[in-house]
């Protein structure tokens, strides 16, 4: 359980930053070189590499180096644990709201 929590922490941390979410959005369209990912960003290449390292550490992105070119690719299956965690909470709250609705329906005074 702790390992799963640590993985979730890494994933949520990685996705908490707008720059990294933008990189993930770009990688949803297909693999991209580091230069392509850095192009729209107003930051130094070492900073871009730091963001990519965070995405790689949580397993969401993998990169391969061929010669002098590093290409990054999204690992979308890594989002499964986040999706499960969110869906469990969504289901819990849906059940709570259903029970609240039932309670309120029973508590309403009869119309006169």
PDB file of N, CA and C in Angstrom:
ATOM      1  N   UNK A   1       0.831  -1.197   0.000  1.00  0.00           N
ATOM      2  CA  UNK A   1       0.000   0.000   0.000  1.00  0.00           C
ATOM      3  C   UNK A   1       0.871   1.255   0.000  1.00  0.00           C
ATOM      4  N   UNK A   2       1.933   1.268   0.777  1.00  0.00           N
ATOM      5  CA  UNK A   2       2.799   2.441   0.843  1.00  0.00           C
ATOM      6  C   UNK A   2       3.406   2.732  -0.517  1.00  0.00           C
ATOM      7  N   UNK A   3       3.863   1.690  -1.221  1.00  0.00           N
ATOM      8  CA  UNK A   3       4.446   1.887  -2.544  1.00  0.00           C
ATOM      9  C   UNK A   3       3.434   2.538  -3.487  1.00  0.00           C
ATOM     10  N   UNK A   4       2.172   2.099  -3.413  1.00  0.00           N
ATOM     11  CA  UNK A   4       1.125   2.675  -4.245  1.00  0.00           C
ATOM     12  C   UNK A   4       0.913   4.147  -3.886  1.00  0.00           C
ATOM     13  N   UNK A   5       0.918   4.453  -2.587  1.00  0.00           N
ATOM     14  CA  UNK A   5       0.765   5.838  -2.154  1.00  0.00           C
ATOM     15  C   UNK A   5       1.940   6.686  -2.622  1.00  0.00           C
ATOM     16  N   UNK A   6       3.128   6.145  -2.557  1.00  0.00           N
ATOM     17  CA  UNK A   6       4.306   6.885  -3.025  1.00  0.00           C
ATOM     18  C   UNK A   6       4.209   7.149  -4.530  1.00  0.00           C
ATOM     19  N   UNK A   7       3.740   6.162  -5.280  1.00  0.00           N
ATOM     20  CA  UNK A   7       3.577   6.331  -6.727  1.00  0.00           C
ATOM     21  C   UNK A   7       2.531   7.398  -7.029  1.00  0.00           C
ATOM     22  N   UNK A   8       1.427   7.368  -6.284  1.00  0.00           N
ATOM     23  CA  UNK A   8       0.398   8.395  -6.458  1.00  0.00           C
ATOM     24  C   UNK A   8       0.955   9.780  -6.129  1.00  0.00           C
ATOM     25  N   UNK A   9       1.733   9.873  -5.059  1.00  0.00           N
ATOM     26  CA  UNK A   9       2.345  11.152  -4.691  1.00  0.00           C
ATOM     27  C   UNK A   9       3.221  11.675  -5.818  1.00  0.00           C
ATOM     28  N   UNK A  10       4.043  10.800  -6.391  1.00  0.00           N
ATOM     29  CA  UNK A  10       4.910  11.203  -7.500  1.00  0.00           C
ATOM     30  C   UNK A  10       4.090  11.666  -8.698  1.00  0.00           C
ATOM     31  N   UNK A  11       3.026  10.936  -9.006  1.00  0.00           N
ATOM     32  CA  UNK A  11       2.200  11.269 -10.159  1.00  0.00           C
ATOM     33  C   UNK A  11       1.485  12.602  -9.952  1.00  0.00           C
ATOM     34  N   UNK A  12       0.865  12.781  -8.773  1.00  0.00           N
ATOM     35  CA  UNK A  12       0.170  14.048  -8.511  1.00  0.00           C
ATOM     36  C   UNK A  12       1.150  15.213  -8.479  1.00  0.00           C
ATOM     37  N   UNK A  13       2.332  14.994  -7.925  1.00  0.00           N
ATOM     38  CA  UNK A  13       3.354  16.048  -7.938  1.00  0.00           C
ATOM     39  C   UNK A  13       3.723  16.413  -9.376  1.00  0.00           C
ATOM     40  N   UNK A  14       3.931  15.401 -10.192  1.00  0.00           N
ATOM     41  CA  UNK A  14       4.310  15.651 -11.586  1.00  0.00           C
ATOM     42  C   UNK A  14       3.222  16.421 -12.316  1.00  0.00           C
ATOM     43  N   UNK A  15       1.968  16.085 -12.066  1.00  0.00           N
ATOM     44  CA  UNK A  15       0.860  16.721 -12.767  1.00  0.00           C
ATOM     45  C   UNK A  15       0.412  18.037 -12.129  1.00  0.00           C
ATOM     46  N   UNK A  16       1.025  18.399 -11.011  1.00  0.00           N
ATOM     47  CA  UNK A  16       0.628  19.634 -10.325  1.00  0.00           C
ATOM     48  C   UNK A  16       1.181  20.882 -10.997  1.00  0.00           C
ATOM     49  N   UNK A  17       2.095  20.713 -11.925  1.00  0.00           N
ATOM     50  CA  UNK A  17       2.749  21.846 -12.577  1.00  0.00           C
ATOM     51  C   UNK A  17       2.214  22.030 -13.998  1.00  0.00           C
ATOM     52  N   UNK A  18       1.848  23.269 -14.322  1.00  0.00           N
ATOM     53  CA  UNK A  18       1.264  23.562 -15.642  1.00  0.00           C
ATOM     54  C   UNK A  18       2.228  23.247 -16.782  1.00  0.00           C
ATOM     55  N   UNK A  19       3.511  23.486 -16.592  1.00  0.00           N
ATOM     56  CA  UNK A  19       4.494  23.194 -17.639  1.00  0.00           C
ATOM     57  C   UNK A  19       4.534  21.702 -17.932  1.00  0.00           C
ATOM     58  N   UNK A  20       4.544  20.894 -16.882  1.00  0.00           N
ATOM     59  CA  UNK A  20       4.583  19.445 -17.077  1.00  0.00           C
ATOM     60  C   UNK A  20       3.277  18.941 -17.690  1.00  0.00           C
ATOM     61  N   UNK A  21       2.144  19.510 -17.273  1.00  0.00           N
ATOM     62  CA  UNK A  21       0.875  19.109 -17.900  1.00  0.00           C
ATOM     63  C   UNK A  21       0.883  19.467 -19.380  1.00  0.00           C
ATOM     64  N   UNK A  22       1.477  20.601 -19.724  1.00  0.00           N
ATOM     65  CA  UNK A  22       1.596  20.978 -21.131  1.00  0.00           C
ATOM     66  C   UNK A  22       2.444  19.992 -21.905  1.00  0.00           C
ATOM     67  N   UNK A  23       3.517  19.526 -21.283  1.00  0.00           N
ATOM     68  CA  UNK A  23       4.362  18.524 -21.931  1.00  0.00           C
ATOM     69  C   UNK A  23       3.588  17.225 -22.143  1.00  0.00           C
ATOM     70  N   UNK A  24       2.819  16.836 -21.144  1.00  0.00           N
ATOM     71  CA  UNK A  24       1.994  15.627 -21.267  1.00  0.00           C
ATOM     72  C   UNK A  24       0.976  15.817 -22.389  1.00  0.00           C
ATOM     73  N   UNK A  25       0.342  16.987 -22.443  1.00  0.00           N
ATOM     74  CA  UNK A  25      -0.609  17.264 -23.528  1.00  0.00           C
ATOM     75  C   UNK A  25       0.067  17.120 -24.893  1.00  0.00           C
ATOM     76  N   UNK A  26       1.253  17.669 -25.014  1.00  0.00           N
ATOM     77  CA  UNK A  26       1.982  17.568 -26.292  1.00  0.00           C
ATOM     78  C   UNK A  26       2.308  16.122 -26.614  1.00  0.00           C
ATOM     79  N   UNK A  27       2.734  15.365 -25.601  1.00  0.00           N
ATOM     80  CA  UNK A  27       3.114  13.975 -25.827  1.00  0.00           C
ATOM     81  C   UNK A  27       1.902  13.076 -26.100  1.00  0.00           C
ATOM     82  N   UNK A  28       0.712  13.542 -25.766  1.00  0.00           N
ATOM     83  CA  UNK A  28      -0.502  12.793 -26.122  1.00  0.00           C
ATOM     84  C   UNK A  28      -0.657  12.706 -27.636  1.00  0.00           C
ATOM     85  N   UNK A  29      -0.061  13.644 -28.354  1.00  0.00           N
ATOM     86  CA  UNK A  29      -0.134  13.657 -29.815  1.00  0.00           C
ATOM     87  C   UNK A  29       0.902  12.747 -30.454  1.00  0.00           C
ATOM     88  N   UNK A  30       1.871  12.284 -29.647  1.00  0.00           N
ATOM     89  CA  UNK A  30       2.916  11.408 -30.156  1.00  0.00           C
ATOM     90  C   UNK A  30       4.271  11.798 -29.594  1.00  0.00           C
ATOM     91  N   UNK A  31       5.286  10.979 -29.848  1.00  0.00           N
ATOM     92  CA  UNK A  31       6.625  11.256 -29.337  1.00  0.00           C
ATOM     93  C   UNK A  31       7.138  12.617 -29.809  1.00  0.00           C
ATOM     94  N   UNK A  32       8.019  13.200 -28.997  1.00  0.00           N
ATOM     95  CA  UNK A  32       8.614  14.498 -29.332  1.00  0.00           C
ATOM     96  C   UNK A  32      10.026  14.553 -28.788  1.00  0.00           C
ATOM     97  N   UNK A  33      10.877  15.266 -29.482  1.00  0.00           N
ATOM     98  CA  UNK A  33      12.233  15.473 -28.981  1.00  0.00           C
ATOM     99  C   UNK A  33      12.185  16.499 -27.859  1.00  0.00           C
ATOM    100  N   UNK A  34      13.248  16.524 -27.069  1.00  0.00           N
ATOM    101  CA  UNK A  34      13.343  17.503 -25.999  1.00  0.00           C
ATOM    102  C   UNK A  34      13.282  18.908 -26.584  1.00  0.00           C
ATOM    103  N   UNK A  35      13.934  19.114 -27.713  1.00  0.00           N
ATOM    104  CA  UNK A  35      13.899  20.432 -28.371  1.00  0.00           C
ATOM    105  C   UNK A  35      12.476  20.825 -28.759  1.00  0.00           C
ATOM    106  N   UNK A  36      11.703  19.866 -29.266  1.00  0.00           N
ATOM    107  CA  UNK A  36      10.316  20.153 -29.637  1.00  0.00           C
ATOM    108  C   UNK A  36       9.481  20.499 -28.410  1.00  0.00           C
ATOM    109  N   UNK A  37       9.735  19.800 -27.312  1.00  0.00           N
ATOM    110  CA  UNK A  37       9.009  20.091 -26.078  1.00  0.00           C
ATOM    111  C   UNK A  37       9.406  21.453 -25.510  1.00  0.00           C
ATOM    112  N   UNK A  38      10.670  21.807 -25.671  1.00  0.00           N
ATOM    113  CA  UNK A  38      11.181  23.064 -25.116  1.00  0.00           C
ATOM    114  C   UNK A  38      10.792  24.273 -25.952  1.00  0.00           C
ATOM    115  N   UNK A  39      10.543  24.072 -27.235  1.00  0.00           N
ATOM    116  CA  UNK A  39      10.311  25.174 -28.165  1.00  0.00           C
ATOM    117  C   UNK A  39       9.273  26.197 -27.700  1.00  0.00           C
ATOM    118  N   UNK A  40       8.070  25.773 -27.257  1.00  0.00           N
ATOM    119  CA  UNK A  40       7.079  26.784 -26.864  1.00  0.00           C
ATOM    120  C   UNK A  40       7.301  27.370 -25.468  1.00  0.00           C
ATOM    121  N   UNK A  41       8.269  26.851 -24.746  1.00  0.00           N
ATOM    122  CA  UNK A  41       8.479  27.270 -23.363  1.00  0.00           C
ATOM    123  C   UNK A  41       9.509  28.387 -23.274  1.00  0.00           C
ATOM    124  N   UNK A  42       9.265  29.300 -22.361  1.00  0.00           N
ATOM    125  CA  UNK A  42      10.198  30.397 -22.126  1.00  0.00           C
ATOM    126  C   UNK A  42      11.075  30.040 -20.933  1.00  0.00           C
ATOM    127  N   UNK A  43      11.940  29.033 -21.126  1.00  0.00           N
ATOM    128  CA  UNK A  43      12.831  28.610 -20.048  1.00  0.00           C
ATOM    129  C   UNK A  43      14.066  27.946 -20.642  1.00  0.00           C
ATOM    130  N   UNK A  44      15.110  27.903 -19.844  1.00  0.00           N
ATOM    131  CA  UNK A  44      16.373  27.316 -20.279  1.00  0.00           C
ATOM    132  C   UNK A  44      16.222  25.798 -20.417  1.00  0.00           C
ATOM    133  N   UNK A  45      17.007  25.222 -21.295  1.00  0.00           N
ATOM    134  CA  UNK A  45      16.960  23.783 -21.541  1.00  0.00           C
ATOM    135  C   UNK A  45      17.172  22.951 -20.267  1.00  0.00           C
ATOM    136  N   UNK A  46      18.110  23.332 -19.365  1.00  0.00           N
ATOM    137  CA  UNK A  46      18.244  22.556 -18.122  1.00  0.00           C
ATOM    138  C   UNK A  46      16.957  22.539 -17.287  1.00  0.00           C
ATOM    139  N   UNK A  47      16.194  23.620 -17.330  1.00  0.00           N
ATOM    140  CA  UNK A  47      14.919  23.663 -16.601  1.00  0.00           C
ATOM    141  C   UNK A  47      13.914  22.713 -17.246  1.00  0.00           C
ATOM    142  N   UNK A  48      13.885  22.702 -18.571  1.00  0.00           N
ATOM    143  CA  UNK A  48      13.012  21.771 -19.296  1.00  0.00           C
ATOM    144  C   UNK A  48      13.391  20.334 -18.937  1.00  0.00           C
ATOM    145  N   UNK A  49      14.679  20.057 -18.911  1.00  0.00           N
ATOM    146  CA  UNK A  49      15.154  18.706 -18.565  1.00  0.00           C
ATOM    147  C   UNK A  49      14.733  18.328 -17.145  1.00  0.00           C
ATOM    148  N   UNK A  50      14.730  19.304 -16.235  1.00  0.00           N
ATOM    149  CA  UNK A  50      14.286  19.041 -14.865  1.00  0.00           C
ATOM    150  C   UNK A  50      12.819  18.632 -14.833  1.00  0.00           C
ATOM    151  N   UNK A  51      11.991  19.319 -15.603  1.00  0.00           N
ATOM    152  CA  UNK A  51      10.572  18.954 -15.682  1.00  0.00           C
ATOM    153  C   UNK A  51      10.411  17.553 -16.273  1.00  0.00           C
ATOM    154  N   UNK A  52      11.169  17.253 -17.294  1.00  0.00           N
ATOM    155  CA  UNK A  52      11.099  15.918 -17.894  1.00  0.00           C
ATOM    156  C   UNK A  52      11.550  14.841 -16.908  1.00  0.00           C
ATOM    157  N   UNK A  53      12.544  15.158 -16.102  1.00  0.00           N
ATOM    158  CA  UNK A  53      13.026  14.201 -15.100  1.00  0.00           C
ATOM    159  C   UNK A  53      11.909  13.867 -14.105  1.00  0.00           C
ATOM    160  N   UNK A  54      11.136  14.876 -13.697  1.00  0.00           N
ATOM    161  CA  UNK A  54      10.010  14.637 -12.785  1.00  0.00           C
ATOM    162  C   UNK A  54       8.989  13.712 -13.452  1.00  0.00           C
ATOM    163  N   UNK A  55       8.690  13.957 -14.727  1.00  0.00           N
ATOM    164  CA  UNK A  55       7.738  13.110 -15.452  1.00  0.00           C
ATOM    165  C   UNK A  55       8.269  11.694 -15.638  1.00  0.00           C
ATOM    166  N   UNK A  56       9.571  11.564 -15.817  1.00  0.00           N
ATOM    167  CA  UNK A  56      10.173  10.228 -15.949  1.00  0.00           C
ATOM    168  C   UNK A  56      10.193   9.513 -14.604  1.00  0.00           C
ATOM    169  N   UNK A  57      10.460  10.239 -13.519  1.00  0.00           N
ATOM    170  CA  UNK A  57      10.532   9.616 -12.197  1.00  0.00           C
ATOM    171  C   UNK A  57       9.209   8.999 -11.761  1.00  0.00           C
ATOM    172  N   UNK A  58       8.097   9.565 -12.226  1.00  0.00           N
ATOM    173  CA  UNK A  58       6.806   8.987 -11.860  1.00  0.00           C
ATOM    174  C   UNK A  58       6.364   7.931 -12.881  1.00  0.00           C
ATOM    175  N   UNK A  59       7.143   7.768 -13.953  1.00  0.00           N
ATOM    176  CA  UNK A  59       6.847   6.739 -14.942  1.00  0.00           C
ATOM    177  C   UNK A  59       5.914   7.179 -16.054  1.00  0.00           C
ATOM    178  N   UNK A  60       5.531   8.447 -16.053  1.00  0.00           N
ATOM    179  CA  UNK A  60       4.587   8.926 -17.052  1.00  0.00           C
ATOM    180  C   UNK A  60       5.229   9.159 -18.415  1.00  0.00           C
ATOM    181  N   UNK A  61       6.517   9.433 -18.419  1.00  0.00           N
ATOM    182  CA  UNK A  61       7.256   9.682 -19.657  1.00  0.00           C
ATOM    183  C   UNK A  61       8.505   8.820 -19.666  1.00  0.00           C
ATOM    184  N   UNK A  62       8.825   8.322 -20.837  1.00  0.00           N
ATOM    185  CA  UNK A  62      10.103   7.625 -20.995  1.00  0.00           C
ATOM    186  C   UNK A  62      10.833   8.286 -22.149  1.00  0.00           C
ATOM    187  N   UNK A  63      12.146   8.291 -22.051  1.00  0.00           N
ATOM    188  CA  UNK A  63      12.915   8.914 -23.124  1.00  0.00           C
ATOM    189  C   UNK A  63      13.980   7.955 -23.627  1.00  0.00           C
ATOM    190  N   UNK A  64      14.327   8.131 -24.897  1.00  0.00           N
ATOM    191  CA  UNK A  64      15.358   7.330 -25.542  1.00  0.00           C
ATOM    192  C   UNK A  64      16.311   8.292 -26.221  1.00  0.00           C
ATOM    193  N   UNK A  65      17.578   7.973 -26.148  1.00  0.00           N
ATOM    194  CA  UNK A  65      18.564   8.835 -26.792  1.00  0.00           C
ATOM    195  C   UNK A  65      19.176   8.096 -27.971  1.00  0.00           C
ATOM    196  N   UNK A  66      19.106   8.749 -29.124  1.00  0.00           N
ATOM    197  CA  UNK A  66      19.738   8.227 -30.335  1.00  0.00           C
ATOM    198  C   UNK A  66      20.697   9.293 -30.820  1.00  0.00           C
ATOM    199  N   UNK A  67      21.957   8.989 -30.730  1.00  0.00           N
ATOM    200  CA  UNK A  67      22.962   9.989 -31.076  1.00  0.00           C
ATOM    201  C   UNK A  67      22.867  11.149 -30.110  1.00  0.00           C
ATOM    202  N   UNK A  68      22.632  12.325 -30.640  1.00  0.00           N
ATOM    203  CA  UNK A  68      22.529  13.517 -29.793  1.00  0.00           C
ATOM    204  C   UNK A  68      21.083  13.928 -29.545  1.00  0.00           C
ATOM    205  N   UNK A  69      20.141  13.143 -30.047  1.00  0.00           N
ATOM    206  CA  UNK A  69      18.723  13.510 -29.946  1.00  0.00           C
ATOM    207  C   UNK A  69      18.023  12.632 -28.913  1.00  0.00           C
ATOM    208  N   UNK A  70      17.394  13.274 -27.942  1.00  0.00           N
ATOM    209  CA  UNK A  70      16.599  12.567 -26.935  1.00  0.00           C
ATOM    210  C   UNK A  70      15.130  12.752 -27.284  1.00  0.00           C
ATOM    211  N   UNK A  71      14.432  11.620 -27.449  1.00  0.00           N
ATOM    212  CA  UNK A  71      13.015  11.628 -27.792  1.00  0.00           C
ATOM    213  C   UNK A  71      12.222  11.115 -26.598  1.00  0.00           C
ATOM    214  N   UNK A  72      11.134  11.810 -26.309  1.00  0.00           N
ATOM    215  CA  UNK A  72      10.283  11.454 -25.177  1.00  0.00           C
ATOM    216  C   UNK A  72       8.963  10.880 -25.678  1.00  0.00           C
ATOM    217  N   UNK A  73       8.435   9.973 -24.883  1.00  0.00           N
ATOM    218  CA  UNK A  73       7.192   9.298 -25.234  1.00  0.00           C
ATOM    219  C   UNK A  73       6.350   9.144 -23.981  1.00  0.00           C
ATOM    220  N   UNK A  74       5.051   9.315 -24.122  1.00  0.00           N
ATOM    221  CA  UNK A  74       4.127   9.179 -23.012  1.00  0.00           C
ATOM    222  C   UNK A  74       3.884   7.706 -22.701  1.00  0.00           C
ATOM    223  N   UNK A  75       3.761   7.392 -21.427  1.00  0.00           N
ATOM    224  CA  UNK A  75       3.405   6.048 -20.953  1.00  0.00           C
ATOM    225  C   UNK A  75       2.020   6.160 -20.302  1.00  0.00           C
ATOM    226  N   UNK A  76       0.952   6.244 -21.111  1.00  0.00           N
ATOM    227  CA  UNK A  76      -0.378   6.557 -20.570  1.00  0.00           C
ATOM    228  C   UNK A  76      -0.915   5.532 -19.575  1.00  0.00           C
ATOM    229  N   UNK A  77      -0.471   4.297 -19.662  1.00  0.00           N
ATOM    230  CA  UNK A  77      -0.965   3.283 -18.722  1.00  0.00           C
ATOM    231  C   UNK A  77      -0.576   3.615 -17.282  1.00  0.00           C
ATOM    232  N   UNK A  78       0.428   4.471 -17.113  1.00  0.00           N
ATOM    233  CA  UNK A  78       0.840   4.878 -15.768  1.00  0.00           C
ATOM    234  C   UNK A  78      -0.236   5.715 -15.072  1.00  0.00           C
ATOM    235  N   UNK A  79      -1.151   6.270 -15.837  1.00  0.00           N
ATOM    236  CA  UNK A  79      -2.235   7.063 -15.251  1.00  0.00           C
ATOM    237  C   UNK A  79      -3.326   6.185 -14.641  1.00  0.00           C
ATOM    238  N   UNK A  80      -3.244   4.887 -14.824  1.00  0.00           N
ATOM    239  CA  UNK A  80      -4.276   3.975 -14.340  1.00  0.00           C
ATOM    240  C   UNK A  80      -4.471   4.099 -12.837  1.00  0.00           C
ATOM    241  N   UNK A  81      -3.382   4.145 -12.073  1.00  0.00           N
ATOM    242  CA  UNK A  81      -3.513   4.236 -10.613  1.00  0.00           C
ATOM    243  C   UNK A  81      -4.189   5.537 -10.190  1.00  0.00           C
ATOM    244  N   UNK A  82      -3.878   6.633 -10.878  1.00  0.00           N
ATOM    245  CA  UNK A  82      -4.524   7.909 -10.577  1.00  0.00           C
ATOM    246  C   UNK A  82      -6.011   7.819 -10.917  1.00  0.00           C
ATOM    247  N   UNK A  83      -6.315   7.224 -12.057  1.00  0.00           N
ATOM    248  CA  UNK A  83      -7.701   7.069 -12.484  1.00  0.00           C
ATOM    249  C   UNK A  83      -8.489   6.230 -11.476  1.00  0.00           C
ATOM    250  N   UNK A  84      -7.902   5.142 -11.004  1.00  0.00           N
ATOM    251  CA  UNK A  84      -8.560   4.285 -10.007  1.00  0.00           C
ATOM    252  C   UNK A  84      -8.818   5.075  -8.735  1.00  0.00           C
ATOM    253  N   UNK A  85      -7.810   5.814  -8.269  1.00  0.00           N
ATOM    254  CA  UNK A  85      -7.927   6.582  -7.029  1.00  0.00           C
ATOM    255  C   UNK A  85      -9.051   7.611  -7.160  1.00  0.00           C
ATOM    256  N   UNK A  86      -9.093   8.335  -8.266  1.00  0.00           N
ATOM    257  CA  UNK A  86     -10.121   9.356  -8.482  1.00  0.00           C
ATOM    258  C   UNK A  86     -11.504   8.705  -8.581  1.00  0.00           C
ATOM    259  N   UNK A  87     -11.614   7.618  -9.326  1.00  0.00           N
ATOM    260  CA  UNK A  87     -12.906   6.949  -9.492  1.00  0.00           C
ATOM    261  C   UNK A  87     -13.445   6.405  -8.175  1.00  0.00           C
ATOM    262  N   UNK A  88     -12.557   5.905  -7.294  1.00  0.00           N
ATOM    263  CA  UNK A  88     -13.004   5.423  -5.990  1.00  0.00           C
ATOM    264  C   UNK A  88     -13.615   6.561  -5.184  1.00  0.00           C
ATOM    265  N   UNK A  89     -12.985   7.728  -5.208  1.00  0.00           N
ATOM    266  CA  UNK A  89     -13.518   8.882  -4.473  1.00  0.00           C
ATOM    267  C   UNK A  89     -14.806   9.393  -5.099  1.00  0.00           C
ATOM    268  N   UNK A  90     -14.860   9.410  -6.434  1.00  0.00           N
ATOM    269  CA  UNK A  90     -16.074   9.844  -7.126  1.00  0.00           C
ATOM    270  C   UNK A  90     -17.242   8.935  -6.745  1.00  0.00           C
ATOM    271  N   UNK A  91     -17.001   7.640  -6.720  1.00  0.00           N
ATOM    272  CA  UNK A  91     -18.036   6.674  -6.376  1.00  0.00           C
ATOM    273  C   UNK A  91     -18.499   6.875  -4.931  1.00  0.00           C
ATOM    274  N   UNK A  92     -17.560   7.091  -4.033  1.00  0.00           N
ATOM    275  CA  UNK A  92     -17.881   7.327  -2.623  1.00  0.00           C
ATOM    276  C   UNK A  92     -18.787   8.550  -2.479  1.00  0.00           C
ATOM    277  N   UNK A  93     -18.422   9.644  -3.125  1.00  0.00           N
ATOM    278  CA  UNK A  93     -19.220  10.872  -3.023  1.00  0.00           C
ATOM    279  C   UNK A  93     -20.572  10.715  -3.706  1.00  0.00           C
ATOM    280  N   UNK A  94     -20.645   9.991  -4.790  1.00  0.00           N
ATOM    281  CA  UNK A  94     -21.931   9.756  -5.448  1.00  0.00           C
ATOM    282  C   UNK A  94     -22.871   9.009  -4.503  1.00  0.00           C
ATOM    283  N   UNK A  95     -22.355   7.993  -3.808  1.00  0.00           N
ATOM    284  CA  UNK A  95     -23.177   7.243  -2.853  1.00  0.00           C
ATOM    285  C   UNK A  95     -23.635   8.154  -1.717  1.00  0.00           C
ATOM    286  N   UNK A  96     -22.735   9.019  -1.241  1.00  0.00           N
ATOM    287  CA  UNK A  96     -23.103   9.935  -0.153  1.00  0.00           C
ATOM    288  C   UNK A  96     -24.200  10.901  -0.602  1.00  0.00           C
ATOM    289  N   UNK A  97     -24.083  11.434  -1.798  1.00  0.00           N
ATOM    290  CA  UNK A  97     -25.103  12.352  -2.297  1.00  0.00           C
ATOM    291  C   UNK A  97     -26.432  11.630  -2.509  1.00  0.00           C
ATOM    292  N   UNK A  98     -26.363  10.377  -2.962  1.00  0.00           N
ATOM    293  CA  UNK A  98     -27.592   9.599  -3.110  1.00  0.00           C
ATOM    294  C   UNK A  98     -28.285   9.429  -1.761  1.00  0.00           C
ATOM    295  N   UNK A  99     -27.512   9.092  -0.727  1.00  0.00           N
ATOM    296  CA  UNK A  99     -28.080   8.929   0.619  1.00  0.00           C
ATOM    297  C   UNK A  99     -28.627  10.253   1.139  1.00  0.00           C
ATOM    298  N   UNK A 100     -27.941  11.345   0.868  1.00  0.00           N
ATOM    299  CA  UNK A 100     -28.421  12.657   1.295  1.00  0.00           C
ATOM    300  C   UNK A 100     -29.741  12.986   0.602  1.00  0.00           C
ATOM    301  N   UNK A 101     -29.824  12.699  -0.696  1.00  0.00           N
ATOM    302  CA  UNK A 101     -31.066  12.928  -1.425  1.00  0.00           C
ATOM    303  C   UNK A 101     -32.216  12.124  -0.853  1.00  0.00           C
ATOM    304  N   UNK A 102     -31.949  10.868  -0.511  1.00  0.00           N
ATOM    305  CA  UNK A 102     -32.975  10.023   0.087  1.00  0.00           C
ATOM    306  C   UNK A 102     -33.414  10.582   1.432  1.00  0.00           C
ATOM    307  N   UNK A 103     -32.453  11.013   2.237  1.00  0.00           N
ATOM    308  CA  UNK A 103     -32.757  11.576   3.546  1.00  0.00           C
ATOM    309  C   UNK A 103     -33.608  12.835   3.405  1.00  0.00           C
ATOM    310  N   UNK A 104     -33.211  13.718   2.493  1.00  0.00           N
ATOM    311  CA  UNK A 104     -33.956  14.960   2.309  1.00  0.00           C
ATOM    312  C   UNK A 104     -35.365  14.699   1.782  1.00  0.00           C
ATOM    313  N   UNK A 105     -35.503  13.706   0.912  1.00  0.00           N
ATOM    314  CA  UNK A 105     -36.829  13.370   0.387  1.00  0.00           C
ATOM    315  C   UNK A 105     -37.751  12.879   1.503  1.00  0.00           C
ATOM    316  N   UNK A 106     -37.212  12.122   2.447  1.00  0.00           N
ATOM    317  CA  UNK A 106     -37.998  11.617   3.575  1.00  0.00           C
ATOM    318  C   UNK A 106     -38.301  12.726   4.585  1.00  0.00           C
ATOM    319  N   UNK A 107     -37.428  13.720   4.640  1.00  0.00           N
ATOM    320  CA  UNK A 107     -37.549  14.774   5.650  1.00  0.00           C
ATOM    321  C   UNK A 107     -38.467  15.908   5.233  1.00  0.00           C
ATOM    322  N   UNK A 108     -38.848  15.974   3.963  1.00  0.00           N
ATOM    323  CA  UNK A 108     -39.681  17.078   3.477  1.00  0.00           C
ATOM    324  C   UNK A 108     -41.074  16.968   4.087  1.00  0.00           C
ATOM    325  N   UNK A 109     -41.582  18.105   4.549  1.00  0.00           N
ATOM    326  CA  UNK A 109     -42.944  18.067   5.087  1.00  0.00           C
ATOM    327  C   UNK A 109     -43.949  17.832   3.956  1.00  0.00           C
ATOM    328  N   UNK A 110     -45.042  17.181   4.240  1.00  0.00           N
ATOM    329  CA  UNK A 110     -46.035  16.932   3.183  1.00  0.00           C
ATOM    330  C   UNK A 110     -46.630  18.262   2.685  1.00  0.00           C
ATOM    331  N   UNK A 111     -46.949  18.306   1.408  1.00  0.00           N
ATOM    332  CA  UNK A 111     -47.579  19.499   0.838  1.00  0.00           C
ATOM    333  C   UNK A 111     -49.009  19.616   1.321  1.00  0.00           C
ATOM    334  N   UNK A 112     -49.391  20.804   1.651  1.00  0.00           N
ATOM    335  CA  UNK A 112     -50.766  21.005   2.110  1.00  0.00           C
ATOM    336  C   UNK A 112     -51.538  21.827   1.149  1.00  0.00           C
TER     337      UNK A 112
END
